[in-house]
Amino acid sequence: MYFTHWIQLHLNAPESGNHLPTESHARWIFALLSRIDEQICADDMSLLRNLARASLGLLKVIKQRQKPVDGSAGMGETSCWLIVTIVADIWKQRDLWMDAETLLAA
């Protein structure tokens, strides 16, 4: 929930460089995702889906920008794709792939 909020804050003003998620944040996300059971309640699934969608939004900003803000090393494309893949495949949220296709085609 907090990482999703952090990413959303960055997406609201990506040019400012504030709240830029880094690769260190991505490693924390991966560690936390590894601790979640395969069977979870609907509220938790909603949180995971929001995280995946926030990662897709960040991926779109990264692709548009093609360079780090202020020379900082923000979270990369690979990390964003891994988060989406983990949520879509482990928790069977395959419709997120359609969201990814729609978002990136725009």
N, C-alpha and C. Protein backbone atom coordinates (compact mmCIF):
# COMPACT_ATOMS: atom_id res chain seq x y z
N MET A 1 0.82 -1.18 0.00
CA MET A 1 0.00 0.00 0.00
C MET A 1 0.88 1.26 0.00
N TYR A 2 1.94 1.26 0.80
CA TYR A 2 2.77 2.46 0.90
C TYR A 2 3.63 2.67 -0.35
N PHE A 3 4.13 1.58 -0.92
CA PHE A 3 4.91 1.73 -2.15
C PHE A 3 4.02 2.21 -3.29
N THR A 4 2.79 1.72 -3.35
CA THR A 4 1.85 2.19 -4.37
C THR A 4 1.61 3.68 -4.21
N HIS A 5 1.41 4.11 -2.98
CA HIS A 5 1.19 5.54 -2.71
C HIS A 5 2.41 6.35 -3.12
N TRP A 6 3.59 5.87 -2.80
CA TRP A 6 4.84 6.56 -3.14
C TRP A 6 4.96 6.71 -4.65
N ILE A 7 4.69 5.63 -5.38
CA ILE A 7 4.77 5.69 -6.84
C ILE A 7 3.74 6.67 -7.40
N GLN A 8 2.52 6.64 -6.85
CA GLN A 8 1.47 7.56 -7.30
C GLN A 8 1.86 9.01 -7.07
N LEU A 9 2.49 9.29 -5.93
CA LEU A 9 2.96 10.66 -5.67
C LEU A 9 3.95 11.10 -6.74
N HIS A 10 4.83 10.20 -7.12
CA HIS A 10 5.80 10.53 -8.17
C HIS A 10 5.09 10.72 -9.51
N LEU A 11 4.10 9.88 -9.81
CA LEU A 11 3.40 9.98 -11.08
C LEU A 11 2.59 11.27 -11.21
N ASN A 12 2.18 11.84 -10.09
CA ASN A 12 1.43 13.09 -10.12
C ASN A 12 2.30 14.27 -10.54
N ALA A 13 3.60 14.18 -10.31
CA ALA A 13 4.53 15.24 -10.72
C ALA A 13 5.88 14.63 -11.07
N PRO A 14 5.95 13.88 -12.17
CA PRO A 14 7.19 13.16 -12.50
C PRO A 14 8.38 14.07 -12.81
N GLU A 15 8.12 15.27 -13.31
CA GLU A 15 9.22 16.17 -13.66
C GLU A 15 9.96 16.69 -12.43
N SER A 16 9.28 16.73 -11.30
CA SER A 16 9.91 17.28 -10.10
C SER A 16 10.99 16.36 -9.54
N GLY A 17 10.88 15.06 -9.81
CA GLY A 17 11.84 14.12 -9.25
C GLY A 17 11.55 13.75 -7.81
N ASN A 18 10.50 14.36 -7.24
CA ASN A 18 10.12 14.02 -5.87
C ASN A 18 9.53 12.62 -5.82
N HIS A 19 9.81 11.93 -4.75
CA HIS A 19 9.27 10.59 -4.50
C HIS A 19 9.66 9.60 -5.60
N LEU A 20 10.80 9.81 -6.22
CA LEU A 20 11.26 8.92 -7.27
C LEU A 20 11.60 7.55 -6.68
N PRO A 21 10.85 6.51 -7.07
CA PRO A 21 11.18 5.17 -6.57
C PRO A 21 12.51 4.71 -7.17
N THR A 22 13.34 4.11 -6.37
CA THR A 22 14.67 3.67 -6.80
C THR A 22 14.71 2.15 -6.91
N GLU A 23 15.83 1.65 -7.38
CA GLU A 23 16.02 0.19 -7.44
C GLU A 23 16.04 -0.41 -6.04
N SER A 24 16.46 0.36 -5.06
CA SER A 24 16.41 -0.11 -3.68
C SER A 24 14.95 -0.35 -3.25
N HIS A 25 14.07 0.55 -3.65
CA HIS A 25 12.64 0.36 -3.36
C HIS A 25 12.13 -0.89 -4.07
N ALA A 26 12.57 -1.10 -5.29
CA ALA A 26 12.15 -2.28 -6.05
C ALA A 26 12.57 -3.56 -5.32
N ARG A 27 13.79 -3.58 -4.79
CA ARG A 27 14.24 -4.76 -4.04
C ARG A 27 13.38 -4.99 -2.81
N TRP A 28 12.98 -3.93 -2.14
CA TRP A 28 12.07 -4.06 -0.99
C TRP A 28 10.72 -4.63 -1.43
N ILE A 29 10.22 -4.13 -2.55
CA ILE A 29 8.94 -4.63 -3.07
C ILE A 29 9.05 -6.11 -3.37
N PHE A 30 10.13 -6.54 -4.03
CA PHE A 30 10.30 -7.96 -4.34
C PHE A 30 10.36 -8.80 -3.07
N ALA A 31 11.07 -8.32 -2.07
CA ALA A 31 11.18 -9.05 -0.81
C ALA A 31 9.80 -9.19 -0.15
N LEU A 32 9.04 -8.12 -0.15
CA LEU A 32 7.70 -8.17 0.45
C LEU A 32 6.75 -9.06 -0.34
N LEU A 33 6.83 -8.99 -1.67
CA LEU A 33 5.98 -9.84 -2.50
C LEU A 33 6.29 -11.33 -2.28
N SER A 34 7.54 -11.63 -1.97
CA SER A 34 7.92 -13.04 -1.76
C SER A 34 7.32 -13.60 -0.47
N ARG A 35 6.86 -12.75 0.41
CA ARG A 35 6.31 -13.19 1.69
C ARG A 35 4.78 -13.33 1.67
N ILE A 36 4.14 -13.01 0.57
CA ILE A 36 2.68 -13.05 0.49
C ILE A 36 2.23 -14.44 0.06
N ASP A 37 1.21 -14.96 0.73
CA ASP A 37 0.66 -16.27 0.39
C ASP A 37 0.03 -16.24 -0.99
N GLU A 38 -0.09 -17.43 -1.60
CA GLU A 38 -0.74 -17.52 -2.91
C GLU A 38 -2.23 -17.24 -2.82
N GLN A 39 -2.85 -17.62 -1.72
CA GLN A 39 -4.28 -17.38 -1.51
C GLN A 39 -4.43 -16.18 -0.58
N ILE A 40 -5.01 -15.09 -1.10
CA ILE A 40 -5.18 -13.89 -0.29
C ILE A 40 -6.62 -13.38 -0.44
N CYS A 41 -7.02 -12.52 0.48
CA CYS A 41 -8.38 -11.98 0.45
C CYS A 41 -8.50 -10.92 -0.65
N ALA A 42 -9.72 -10.55 -0.97
CA ALA A 42 -10.00 -9.60 -2.04
C ALA A 42 -9.38 -8.23 -1.78
N ASP A 43 -9.38 -7.78 -0.53
CA ASP A 43 -8.78 -6.47 -0.22
C ASP A 43 -7.29 -6.47 -0.51
N ASP A 44 -6.61 -7.55 -0.13
CA ASP A 44 -5.17 -7.65 -0.40
C ASP A 44 -4.89 -7.75 -1.90
N MET A 45 -5.77 -8.47 -2.61
CA MET A 45 -5.61 -8.58 -4.06
C MET A 45 -5.76 -7.21 -4.70
N SER A 46 -6.68 -6.41 -4.20
CA SER A 46 -6.86 -5.06 -4.71
C SER A 46 -5.59 -4.23 -4.52
N LEU A 47 -4.95 -4.38 -3.38
CA LEU A 47 -3.70 -3.66 -3.12
C LEU A 47 -2.60 -4.10 -4.09
N LEU A 48 -2.52 -5.40 -4.37
CA LEU A 48 -1.51 -5.90 -5.31
C LEU A 48 -1.78 -5.39 -6.72
N ARG A 49 -3.05 -5.38 -7.11
CA ARG A 49 -3.41 -4.88 -8.44
C ARG A 49 -3.08 -3.40 -8.56
N ASN A 50 -3.32 -2.64 -7.51
CA ASN A 50 -2.97 -1.21 -7.52
C ASN A 50 -1.47 -1.02 -7.66
N LEU A 51 -0.69 -1.87 -7.00
CA LEU A 51 0.77 -1.80 -7.11
C LEU A 51 1.20 -2.09 -8.56
N ALA A 52 0.59 -3.10 -9.16
CA ALA A 52 0.93 -3.43 -10.55
C ALA A 52 0.55 -2.28 -11.48
N ARG A 53 -0.61 -1.68 -11.28
CA ARG A 53 -1.03 -0.55 -12.13
C ARG A 53 -0.13 0.67 -11.93
N ALA A 54 0.28 0.91 -10.69
CA ALA A 54 1.21 2.01 -10.43
C ALA A 54 2.54 1.74 -11.13
N SER A 55 2.98 0.49 -11.13
CA SER A 55 4.22 0.13 -11.83
C SER A 55 4.08 0.34 -13.33
N LEU A 56 2.90 0.04 -13.87
CA LEU A 56 2.66 0.30 -15.29
C LEU A 56 2.70 1.79 -15.58
N GLY A 57 2.13 2.59 -14.70
CA GLY A 57 2.18 4.05 -14.86
C GLY A 57 3.60 4.56 -14.82
N LEU A 58 4.39 4.03 -13.91
CA LEU A 58 5.79 4.42 -13.81
C LEU A 58 6.55 3.99 -15.06
N LEU A 59 6.23 2.82 -15.57
CA LEU A 59 6.86 2.34 -16.79
C LEU A 59 6.58 3.28 -17.96
N LYS A 60 5.38 3.77 -18.04
CA LYS A 60 5.02 4.70 -19.11
C LYS A 60 5.83 6.00 -18.99
N VAL A 61 5.98 6.50 -17.78
CA VAL A 61 6.77 7.72 -17.55
C VAL A 61 8.24 7.47 -17.91
N ILE A 62 8.75 6.30 -17.52
CA ILE A 62 10.14 5.97 -17.83
C ILE A 62 10.36 5.93 -19.34
N LYS A 63 9.44 5.31 -20.06
CA LYS A 63 9.57 5.21 -21.51
C LYS A 63 9.49 6.59 -22.18
N GLN A 64 8.67 7.47 -21.64
CA GLN A 64 8.56 8.82 -22.21
C GLN A 64 9.81 9.65 -21.93
N ARG A 65 10.36 9.47 -20.74
CA ARG A 65 11.49 10.28 -20.30
C ARG A 65 12.79 9.80 -20.91
N GLN A 66 13.05 8.50 -20.88
CA GLN A 66 14.26 7.87 -21.41
C GLN A 66 15.56 8.35 -20.77
N LYS A 67 15.48 9.09 -19.67
CA LYS A 67 16.69 9.45 -18.93
C LYS A 67 16.30 9.72 -17.48
N PRO A 68 17.20 9.44 -16.53
CA PRO A 68 16.90 9.68 -15.13
C PRO A 68 16.72 11.15 -14.82
N VAL A 69 15.89 11.46 -13.83
CA VAL A 69 15.68 12.82 -13.37
C VAL A 69 16.85 13.21 -12.48
N ASP A 70 17.45 14.38 -12.76
CA ASP A 70 18.55 14.92 -11.96
C ASP A 70 19.69 13.92 -11.78
N GLY A 71 19.92 13.06 -12.75
CA GLY A 71 21.02 12.11 -12.66
C GLY A 71 20.81 11.00 -11.65
N SER A 72 19.64 10.93 -11.03
CA SER A 72 19.40 9.88 -10.04
C SER A 72 18.97 8.59 -10.73
N ALA A 73 19.26 7.50 -10.09
CA ALA A 73 18.93 6.19 -10.66
C ALA A 73 17.59 5.72 -10.11
N GLY A 74 16.54 6.05 -10.82
CA GLY A 74 15.22 5.63 -10.40
C GLY A 74 14.97 4.17 -10.75
N MET A 75 13.83 3.68 -10.34
CA MET A 75 13.44 2.31 -10.65
C MET A 75 13.40 2.14 -12.16
N GLY A 76 13.94 1.05 -12.64
CA GLY A 76 14.05 0.82 -14.07
C GLY A 76 12.88 0.06 -14.66
N GLU A 77 12.90 -0.04 -15.99
CA GLU A 77 11.85 -0.75 -16.72
C GLU A 77 11.76 -2.21 -16.28
N THR A 78 12.89 -2.84 -16.10
CA THR A 78 12.91 -4.25 -15.71
C THR A 78 12.18 -4.48 -14.40
N SER A 79 12.43 -3.63 -13.43
CA SER A 79 11.77 -3.77 -12.13
C SER A 79 10.27 -3.60 -12.25
N CYS A 80 9.85 -2.62 -13.05
CA CYS A 80 8.41 -2.40 -13.25
C CYS A 80 7.77 -3.63 -13.88
N TRP A 81 8.41 -4.16 -14.93
CA TRP A 81 7.87 -5.34 -15.59
C TRP A 81 7.83 -6.55 -14.65
N LEU A 82 8.85 -6.70 -13.81
CA LEU A 82 8.86 -7.81 -12.86
C LEU A 82 7.71 -7.73 -11.87
N ILE A 83 7.41 -6.54 -11.39
CA ILE A 83 6.30 -6.37 -10.45
C ILE A 83 4.99 -6.75 -11.12
N VAL A 84 4.77 -6.26 -12.33
CA VAL A 84 3.54 -6.58 -13.05
C VAL A 84 3.47 -8.08 -13.31
N THR A 85 4.56 -8.68 -13.74
CA THR A 85 4.60 -10.11 -14.02
C THR A 85 4.30 -10.95 -12.79
N ILE A 86 4.89 -10.58 -11.67
CA ILE A 86 4.66 -11.32 -10.42
C ILE A 86 3.19 -11.29 -10.05
N VAL A 87 2.59 -10.12 -10.06
CA VAL A 87 1.18 -10.00 -9.68
C VAL A 87 0.29 -10.72 -10.69
N ALA A 88 0.56 -10.53 -11.98
CA ALA A 88 -0.28 -11.13 -13.02
C ALA A 88 -0.20 -12.65 -13.03
N ASP A 89 0.98 -13.18 -12.84
CA ASP A 89 1.15 -14.63 -12.97
C ASP A 89 0.97 -15.41 -11.67
N ILE A 90 1.54 -14.95 -10.58
CA ILE A 90 1.43 -15.70 -9.33
C ILE A 90 0.01 -15.65 -8.79
N TRP A 91 -0.62 -14.48 -8.85
CA TRP A 91 -1.97 -14.34 -8.30
C TRP A 91 -3.04 -14.37 -9.39
N LYS A 92 -2.66 -14.86 -10.57
CA LYS A 92 -3.61 -15.11 -11.67
C LYS A 92 -4.44 -13.89 -12.05
N GLN A 93 -3.78 -12.75 -12.16
CA GLN A 93 -4.45 -11.50 -12.54
C GLN A 93 -4.07 -11.16 -13.98
N ARG A 94 -4.38 -12.07 -14.88
CA ARG A 94 -3.93 -11.98 -16.26
C ARG A 94 -4.52 -10.78 -17.02
N ASP A 95 -5.63 -10.24 -16.54
CA ASP A 95 -6.20 -9.06 -17.20
C ASP A 95 -5.27 -7.85 -17.10
N LEU A 96 -4.31 -7.90 -16.18
CA LEU A 96 -3.34 -6.80 -16.09
C LEU A 96 -2.50 -6.69 -17.36
N TRP A 97 -2.36 -7.81 -18.09
CA TRP A 97 -1.61 -7.75 -19.36
C TRP A 97 -2.36 -6.90 -20.36
N MET A 98 -3.69 -6.94 -20.33
CA MET A 98 -4.47 -6.08 -21.23
C MET A 98 -4.31 -4.62 -20.82
N ASP A 99 -4.27 -4.36 -19.50
CA ASP A 99 -4.01 -3.00 -19.03
C ASP A 99 -2.65 -2.51 -19.52
N ALA A 100 -1.66 -3.39 -19.47
CA ALA A 100 -0.31 -3.03 -19.92
C ALA A 100 -0.31 -2.71 -21.41
N GLU A 101 -1.00 -3.53 -22.18
CA GLU A 101 -1.06 -3.30 -23.62
C GLU A 101 -1.75 -1.97 -23.94
N THR A 102 -2.86 -1.70 -23.27
CA THR A 102 -3.60 -0.45 -23.48
C THR A 102 -2.77 0.76 -23.09
N LEU A 103 -2.14 0.67 -21.92
CA LEU A 103 -1.36 1.79 -21.41
C LEU A 103 -0.18 2.10 -22.31
N LEU A 104 0.51 1.09 -22.78
CA LEU A 104 1.71 1.31 -23.57
C LEU A 104 1.41 1.63 -25.04
N ALA A 105 0.22 1.25 -25.50
CA ALA A 105 -0.16 1.57 -26.87
C ALA A 105 -0.57 3.03 -27.03
N ALA A 106 -0.97 3.65 -25.92
CA ALA A 106 -1.42 5.05 -25.98
C ALA A 106 -0.27 6.01 -26.21
